[in-house]
PDB file of all heavy atoms in Angstrom:
ATOM      1  N   HIS A   1     102.106  99.608 114.275  1.00  0.00           N
ATOM      2  CA  HIS A   1     100.794 100.153 114.461  1.00  0.00           C
ATOM      3  C   HIS A   1     100.544 100.577 115.901  1.00  0.00           C
ATOM      4  O   HIS A   1     100.960  99.836 116.929  1.00  0.00           O
ATOM      5  CB  HIS A   1      99.801  99.157 114.077  1.00  0.00           C
ATOM      6  CG  HIS A   1      99.733  98.959 112.623  1.00  0.00           C
ATOM      7  ND1 HIS A   1      99.183  99.807 111.676  1.00  0.00           N
ATOM      8  CD2 HIS A   1     100.077  97.825 111.762  1.00  0.00           C
ATOM      9  CE1 HIS A   1      99.237  99.363 110.436  1.00  0.00           C
ATOM     10  NE2 HIS A   1      99.820  98.182 110.523  1.00  0.00           N
ATOM     11  N   SER A   2      99.829 101.594 116.127  1.00  0.00           N
ATOM     12  CA  SER A   2      99.533 102.020 117.624  1.00  0.00           C
ATOM     13  C   SER A   2      98.846 101.028 118.360  1.00  0.00           C
ATOM     14  O   SER A   2      99.063 100.818 119.628  1.00  0.00           O
ATOM     15  CB  SER A   2      98.773 103.262 117.586  1.00  0.00           C
ATOM     16  OG  SER A   2      97.684 103.205 116.826  1.00  0.00           O
ATOM     17  N   VAL A   3      97.982 100.092 117.757  1.00  0.00           N
ATOM     18  CA  VAL A   3      97.364  99.018 118.513  1.00  0.00           C
ATOM     19  C   VAL A   3      98.282  98.079 119.083  1.00  0.00           C
ATOM     20  O   VAL A   3      97.941  97.190 119.918  1.00  0.00           O
ATOM     21  CB  VAL A   3      96.293  98.331 117.609  1.00  0.00           C
ATOM     22  CG1 VAL A   3      96.893  97.479 116.606  1.00  0.00           C
ATOM     23  CG2 VAL A   3      95.364  97.567 118.466  1.00  0.00           C
ATOM     24  N   ARG A   4      99.556  98.020 118.506  1.00  0.00           N
ATOM     25  CA  ARG A   4     100.661  97.058 119.024  1.00  0.00           C
ATOM     26  C   ARG A   4     101.297  97.538 120.323  1.00  0.00           C
ATOM     27  O   ARG A   4     102.017  96.859 120.860  1.00  0.00           O
ATOM     28  CB  ARG A   4     101.756  96.928 117.908  1.00  0.00           C
ATOM     29  CG  ARG A   4     101.239  96.226 116.709  1.00  0.00           C
ATOM     30  CD  ARG A   4     101.346  94.801 116.650  1.00  0.00           C
ATOM     31  NE  ARG A   4     102.722  94.387 116.900  1.00  0.00           N
ATOM     32  CZ  ARG A   4     103.005  93.203 117.349  1.00  0.00           C
ATOM     33  NH1 ARG A   4     102.114  92.253 117.660  1.00  0.00           N
ATOM     34  NH2 ARG A   4     104.281  92.873 117.561  1.00  0.00           N
ATOM     35  N   PHE A   5     100.769  98.700 120.834  1.00  0.00           N
ATOM     36  CA  PHE A   5     101.317  99.231 122.119  1.00  0.00           C
ATOM     37  C   PHE A   5     100.292  99.292 123.170  1.00  0.00           C
ATOM     38  O   PHE A   5      99.125  99.864 122.859  1.00  0.00           O
ATOM     39  CB  PHE A   5     101.882 100.614 122.002  1.00  0.00           C
ATOM     40  CG  PHE A   5     103.107 100.650 121.164  1.00  0.00           C
ATOM     41  CD1 PHE A   5     103.180 101.418 119.927  1.00  0.00           C
ATOM     42  CD2 PHE A   5     104.314 100.008 121.569  1.00  0.00           C
ATOM     43  CE1 PHE A   5     104.369 101.332 119.227  1.00  0.00           C
ATOM     44  CE2 PHE A   5     105.518  99.955 120.806  1.00  0.00           C
ATOM     45  CZ  PHE A   5     105.441 100.718 119.548  1.00  0.00           C
ATOM     46  N   LYS A   6     100.441  98.577 124.280  1.00  0.00           N
ATOM     47  CA  LYS A   6      99.414  98.678 125.405  1.00  0.00           C
ATOM     48  C   LYS A   6      99.028 100.063 125.727  1.00  0.00           C
ATOM     49  O   LYS A   6      97.950 100.427 126.191  1.00  0.00           O
ATOM     50  CB  LYS A   6      99.995  97.940 126.633  1.00  0.00           C
ATOM     51  CG  LYS A   6     100.334  96.480 126.407  1.00  0.00           C
ATOM     52  CD  LYS A   6     101.051  95.807 127.539  1.00  0.00           C
ATOM     53  CE  LYS A   6     101.387  94.266 127.295  1.00  0.00           C
ATOM     54  NZ  LYS A   6     102.163  93.787 128.315  1.00  0.00           N
ATOM     55  N   ASP A   7     100.076 100.971 125.636  1.00  0.00           N
ATOM     56  CA  ASP A   7      99.863 102.388 125.998  1.00  0.00           C
ATOM     57  C   ASP A   7      98.681 102.996 125.223  1.00  0.00           C
ATOM     58  O   ASP A   7      98.049 103.890 125.737  1.00  0.00           O
ATOM     59  CB  ASP A   7     101.038 103.186 125.823  1.00  0.00           C
ATOM     60  CG  ASP A   7     102.384 102.407 126.372  1.00  0.00           C
ATOM     61  OD1 ASP A   7     102.572 101.412 125.786  1.00  0.00           O
ATOM     62  OD2 ASP A   7     102.893 103.011 127.402  1.00  0.00           O
ATOM     63  N   PHE A   8      98.491 102.518 123.935  1.00  0.00           N
ATOM     64  CA  PHE A   8      97.438 103.156 123.147  1.00  0.00           C
ATOM     65  C   PHE A   8      96.135 102.369 123.193  1.00  0.00           C
ATOM     66  O   PHE A   8      95.222 102.910 122.569  1.00  0.00           O
ATOM     67  CB  PHE A   8      98.030 103.119 121.620  1.00  0.00           C
ATOM     68  CG  PHE A   8      98.999 104.213 121.383  1.00  0.00           C
ATOM     69  CD1 PHE A   8     100.308 104.070 121.572  1.00  0.00           C
ATOM     70  CD2 PHE A   8      98.506 105.334 120.804  1.00  0.00           C
ATOM     71  CE1 PHE A   8     101.187 105.149 121.250  1.00  0.00           C
ATOM     72  CE2 PHE A   8      99.390 106.417 120.454  1.00  0.00           C
ATOM     73  CZ  PHE A   8     100.716 106.266 120.630  1.00  0.00           C
ATOM     74  N   HIS A   9      96.088 101.363 123.918  1.00  0.00           N
ATOM     75  CA  HIS A   9      94.807 100.584 123.818  1.00  0.00           C
ATOM     76  C   HIS A   9      93.567 101.368 124.292  1.00  0.00           C
ATOM     77  O   HIS A   9      92.419 101.137 123.846  1.00  0.00           O
ATOM     78  CB  HIS A   9      94.997  99.285 124.656  1.00  0.00           C
ATOM     79  CG  HIS A   9      95.643  98.221 124.037  1.00  0.00           C
ATOM     80  ND1 HIS A   9      96.129  97.066 124.420  1.00  0.00           N
ATOM     81  CD2 HIS A   9      96.252  98.250 122.753  1.00  0.00           C
ATOM     82  CE1 HIS A   9      96.852  96.425 123.631  1.00  0.00           C
ATOM     83  NE2 HIS A   9      96.845  97.075 122.522  1.00  0.00           N
ATOM     84  N   PRO A  10      93.685 102.305 125.364  1.00  0.00           N
ATOM     85  CA  PRO A  10      92.487 103.132 125.659  1.00  0.00           C
ATOM     86  C   PRO A  10      91.959 103.996 124.513  1.00  0.00           C
ATOM     87  O   PRO A  10      90.746 104.112 124.585  1.00  0.00           O
ATOM     88  CB  PRO A  10      93.143 104.014 126.739  1.00  0.00           C
ATOM     89  CG  PRO A  10      94.172 103.247 127.444  1.00  0.00           C
ATOM     90  CD  PRO A  10      94.732 102.550 126.265  1.00  0.00           C
ATOM     91  N   CYS A  11      92.863 104.303 123.485  1.00  0.00           N
ATOM     92  CA  CYS A  11      92.365 104.977 122.397  1.00  0.00           C
ATOM     93  C   CYS A  11      91.425 104.141 121.473  1.00  0.00           C
ATOM     94  O   CYS A  11      90.711 104.697 120.536  1.00  0.00           O
ATOM     95  CB  CYS A  11      93.537 105.525 121.519  1.00  0.00           C
ATOM     96  SG  CYS A  11      94.541 106.634 122.385  1.00  0.00           S
ATOM     97  N   PHE A  12      91.346 102.881 121.615  1.00  0.00           N
ATOM     98  CA  PHE A  12      90.531 101.919 120.870  1.00  0.00           C
ATOM     99  C   PHE A  12      89.356 101.553 121.495  1.00  0.00           C
ATOM    100  O   PHE A  12      88.623 100.630 121.123  1.00  0.00           O
ATOM    101  CB  PHE A  12      91.380 100.646 120.426  1.00  0.00           C
ATOM    102  CG  PHE A  12      92.489 100.942 119.443  1.00  0.00           C
ATOM    103  CD1 PHE A  12      93.712 101.412 119.878  1.00  0.00           C
ATOM    104  CD2 PHE A  12      92.251 100.634 118.152  1.00  0.00           C
ATOM    105  CE1 PHE A  12      94.729 101.624 118.947  1.00  0.00           C
ATOM    106  CE2 PHE A  12      93.310 100.868 117.243  1.00  0.00           C
ATOM    107  CZ  PHE A  12      94.589 101.348 117.574  1.00  0.00           C
ATOM    108  N   LYS A  13      88.990 102.255 122.707  1.00  0.00           N
ATOM    109  CA  LYS A  13      87.862 101.829 123.485  1.00  0.00           C
ATOM    110  C   LYS A  13      86.574 101.777 122.663  1.00  0.00           C
ATOM    111  O   LYS A  13      85.775 100.793 122.733  1.00  0.00           O
ATOM    112  CB  LYS A  13      87.726 102.765 124.678  1.00  0.00           C
ATOM    113  CG  LYS A  13      86.467 102.523 125.657  1.00  0.00           C
ATOM    114  CD  LYS A  13      86.493 103.496 126.753  1.00  0.00           C
ATOM    115  CE  LYS A  13      85.269 103.216 127.728  1.00  0.00           C
ATOM    116  NZ  LYS A  13      84.047 103.419 126.930  1.00  0.00           N
ATOM    117  N   GLU A  14      86.214 102.956 121.998  1.00  0.00           N
ATOM    118  CA  GLU A  14      84.997 102.989 121.161  1.00  0.00           C
ATOM    119  C   GLU A  14      84.976 102.013 120.110  1.00  0.00           C
ATOM    120  O   GLU A  14      83.989 101.447 119.708  1.00  0.00           O
ATOM    121  CB  GLU A  14      84.758 104.386 120.719  1.00  0.00           C
ATOM    122  CG  GLU A  14      84.451 105.354 121.883  1.00  0.00           C
ATOM    123  CD  GLU A  14      85.797 105.908 122.525  1.00  0.00           C
ATOM    124  OE1 GLU A  14      86.847 105.500 122.003  1.00  0.00           O
ATOM    125  OE2 GLU A  14      85.667 106.884 123.431  1.00  0.00           O
ATOM    126  N   ALA A  15      86.215 101.949 119.430  1.00  0.00           N
ATOM    127  CA  ALA A  15      86.247 101.091 118.260  1.00  0.00           C
ATOM    128  C   ALA A  15      85.955  99.586 118.632  1.00  0.00           C
ATOM    129  O   ALA A  15      85.281  98.718 118.062  1.00  0.00           O
ATOM    130  CB  ALA A  15      87.543 101.108 117.524  1.00  0.00           C
ATOM    131  N   ARG A  16      86.531  99.160 119.910  1.00  0.00           N
ATOM    132  CA  ARG A  16      86.420  97.871 120.346  1.00  0.00           C
ATOM    133  C   ARG A  16      84.914  97.516 120.718  1.00  0.00           C
ATOM    134  O   ARG A  16      84.460  96.465 120.580  1.00  0.00           O
ATOM    135  CB  ARG A  16      87.243  97.829 121.686  1.00  0.00           C
ATOM    136  CG  ARG A  16      87.314  96.430 122.369  1.00  0.00           C
ATOM    137  CD  ARG A  16      88.378  96.438 123.486  1.00  0.00           C
ATOM    138  NE  ARG A  16      88.549  95.233 124.099  1.00  0.00           N
ATOM    139  CZ  ARG A  16      89.568  95.041 125.014  1.00  0.00           C
ATOM    140  NH1 ARG A  16      90.338  95.918 125.243  1.00  0.00           N
ATOM    141  NH2 ARG A  16      89.678  93.777 125.440  1.00  0.00           N
ATOM    142  N   GLU A  17      84.181  98.525 121.156  1.00  0.00           N
ATOM    143  CA  GLU A  17      82.819  98.372 121.535  1.00  0.00           C
ATOM    144  C   GLU A  17      81.833  98.420 120.431  1.00  0.00           C
ATOM    145  O   GLU A  17      80.690  98.203 120.623  1.00  0.00           O
ATOM    146  CB  GLU A  17      82.477  99.366 122.765  1.00  0.00           C
ATOM    147  CG  GLU A  17      83.229  99.142 123.904  1.00  0.00           C
ATOM    148  CD  GLU A  17      83.012 100.318 124.966  1.00  0.00           C
ATOM    149  OE1 GLU A  17      82.420 101.241 124.564  1.00  0.00           O
ATOM    150  OE2 GLU A  17      83.514 100.249 126.086  1.00  0.00           O
ATOM    151  N   TYR A  18      82.260  98.861 119.232  1.00  0.00           N
ATOM    152  CA  TYR A  18      81.418  99.132 118.104  1.00  0.00           C
ATOM    153  C   TYR A  18      80.564  97.918 117.657  1.00  0.00           C
ATOM    154  O   TYR A  18      79.508  97.939 117.188  1.00  0.00           O
ATOM    155  CB  TYR A  18      82.317  99.733 116.954  1.00  0.00           C
ATOM    156  CG  TYR A  18      81.435 100.275 115.895  1.00  0.00           C
ATOM    157  CD1 TYR A  18      81.180 101.556 115.689  1.00  0.00           C
ATOM    158  CD2 TYR A  18      81.117  99.448 114.678  1.00  0.00           C
ATOM    159  CE1 TYR A  18      80.446 102.109 114.670  1.00  0.00           C
ATOM    160  CE2 TYR A  18      80.376  99.894 113.629  1.00  0.00           C
ATOM    161  CZ  TYR A  18      80.050 101.268 113.666  1.00  0.00           C
ATOM    162  OH  TYR A  18      79.249 101.703 112.529  1.00  0.00           O
ATOM    163  N   SER A  19      81.439  96.782 117.605  1.00  0.00           N
ATOM    164  CA  SER A  19      80.769  95.433 117.062  1.00  0.00           C
ATOM    165  C   SER A  19      81.619  94.338 117.530  1.00  0.00           C
ATOM    166  O   SER A  19      82.674  94.497 118.066  1.00  0.00           O
ATOM    167  CB  SER A  19      80.817  95.460 115.536  1.00  0.00           C
ATOM    168  OG  SER A  19      82.137  95.387 115.035  1.00  0.00           O
ATOM    169  N   LEU A  20      81.054  93.139 117.620  1.00  0.00           N
ATOM    170  CA  LEU A  20      81.623  91.923 117.937  1.00  0.00           C
ATOM    171  C   LEU A  20      82.902  91.556 117.254  1.00  0.00           C
ATOM    172  O   LEU A  20      83.943  91.294 117.678  1.00  0.00           O
ATOM    173  CB  LEU A  20      80.652  90.758 117.915  1.00  0.00           C
ATOM    174  CG  LEU A  20      81.195  89.422 118.309  1.00  0.00           C
ATOM    175  CD1 LEU A  20      81.732  89.508 119.854  1.00  0.00           C
ATOM    176  CD2 LEU A  20      80.144  88.323 118.125  1.00  0.00           C
ATOM    177  N   TYR A  21      82.670  91.882 115.864  1.00  0.00           N
ATOM    178  CA  TYR A  21      83.867  91.622 114.889  1.00  0.00           C
ATOM    179  C   TYR A  21      85.178  92.454 115.450  1.00  0.00           C
ATOM    180  O   TYR A  21      86.280  92.123 115.642  1.00  0.00           O
ATOM    181  CB  TYR A  21      83.626  91.956 113.555  1.00  0.00           C
ATOM    182  CG  TYR A  21      84.775  91.994 112.549  1.00  0.00           C
ATOM    183  CD1 TYR A  21      85.277  90.882 112.124  1.00  0.00           C
ATOM    184  CD2 TYR A  21      85.420  93.245 112.295  1.00  0.00           C
ATOM    185  CE1 TYR A  21      86.346  90.842 111.277  1.00  0.00           C
ATOM    186  CE2 TYR A  21      86.518  93.181 111.465  1.00  0.00           C
ATOM    187  CZ  TYR A  21      87.048  92.030 110.939  1.00  0.00           C
ATOM    188  OH  TYR A  21      88.046  92.116 110.155  1.00  0.00           O
ATOM    189  N   GLN A  22      84.924  93.757 115.762  1.00  0.00           N
ATOM    190  CA  GLN A  22      85.869  94.706 115.998  1.00  0.00           C
ATOM    191  C   GLN A  22      86.448  94.425 117.420  1.00  0.00           C
ATOM    192  O   GLN A  22      87.586  94.517 117.755  1.00  0.00           O
ATOM    193  CB  GLN A  22      85.509  96.245 115.977  1.00  0.00           C
ATOM    194  CG  GLN A  22      85.256  96.551 114.472  1.00  0.00           C
ATOM    195  CD  GLN A  22      84.792  98.043 114.393  1.00  0.00           C
ATOM    196  OE1 GLN A  22      84.357  98.426 113.284  1.00  0.00           O
ATOM    197  NE2 GLN A  22      84.914  98.937 115.294  1.00  0.00           N
ATOM    198  N   LYS A  23      85.553  93.959 118.325  1.00  0.00           N
ATOM    199  CA  LYS A  23      86.027  93.533 119.720  1.00  0.00           C
ATOM    200  C   LYS A  23      87.012  92.486 119.615  1.00  0.00           C
ATOM    201  O   LYS A  23      88.090  92.411 120.262  1.00  0.00           O
ATOM    202  CB  LYS A  23      84.762  93.170 120.539  1.00  0.00           C
ATOM    203  CG  LYS A  23      85.115  92.714 121.978  1.00  0.00           C
ATOM    204  CD  LYS A  23      83.838  92.518 122.716  1.00  0.00           C
ATOM    205  CE  LYS A  23      84.169  92.314 124.218  1.00  0.00           C
ATOM    206  NZ  LYS A  23      84.812  91.029 124.445  1.00  0.00           N
ATOM    207  N   ARG A  24      86.690  91.480 118.739  1.00  0.00           N
ATOM    208  CA  ARG A  24      87.591  90.260 118.642  1.00  0.00           C
ATOM    209  C   ARG A  24      88.935  90.649 117.893  1.00  0.00           C
ATOM    210  O   ARG A  24      89.901  90.230 118.408  1.00  0.00           O
ATOM    211  CB  ARG A  24      86.824  89.293 117.836  1.00  0.00           C
ATOM    212  CG  ARG A  24      85.774  88.500 118.543  1.00  0.00           C
ATOM    213  CD  ARG A  24      85.042  87.653 117.632  1.00  0.00           C
ATOM    214  NE  ARG A  24      83.976  86.713 118.295  1.00  0.00           N
ATOM    215  CZ  ARG A  24      82.996  86.121 117.694  1.00  0.00           C
ATOM    216  NH1 ARG A  24      82.884  86.005 116.409  1.00  0.00           N
ATOM    217  NH2 ARG A  24      82.223  85.447 118.478  1.00  0.00           N
ATOM    218  N   TRP A  25      88.747  91.601 117.039  1.00  0.00           N
ATOM    219  CA  TRP A  25      90.011  92.070 116.324  1.00  0.00           C
ATOM    220  C   TRP A  25      90.881  92.754 117.356  1.00  0.00           C
ATOM    221  O   TRP A  25      92.245  92.515 117.280  1.00  0.00           O
ATOM    222  CB  TRP A  25      89.649  93.055 115.196  1.00  0.00           C
ATOM    223  CG  TRP A  25      90.751  93.510 114.438  1.00  0.00           C
ATOM    224  CD1 TRP A  25      91.288  92.787 113.195  1.00  0.00           C
ATOM    225  CD2 TRP A  25      91.603  94.672 114.566  1.00  0.00           C
ATOM    226  NE1 TRP A  25      92.373  93.558 112.678  1.00  0.00           N
ATOM    227  CE2 TRP A  25      92.662  94.622 113.524  1.00  0.00           C
ATOM    228  CE3 TRP A  25      91.618  95.563 115.443  1.00  0.00           C
ATOM    229  CZ2 TRP A  25      93.627  95.538 113.394  1.00  0.00           C
ATOM    230  CZ3 TRP A  25      92.690  96.645 115.361  1.00  0.00           C
ATOM    231  CH2 TRP A  25      93.566  96.612 114.396  1.00  0.00           C
TER     232      TRP A  25
END
């Protein structure tokens, strides 16, 4: 999965900030 690569983590910025659940995930 792309989330398994550090290089892709900036692509998850908005998803990470969407909710506490998603931030923890």
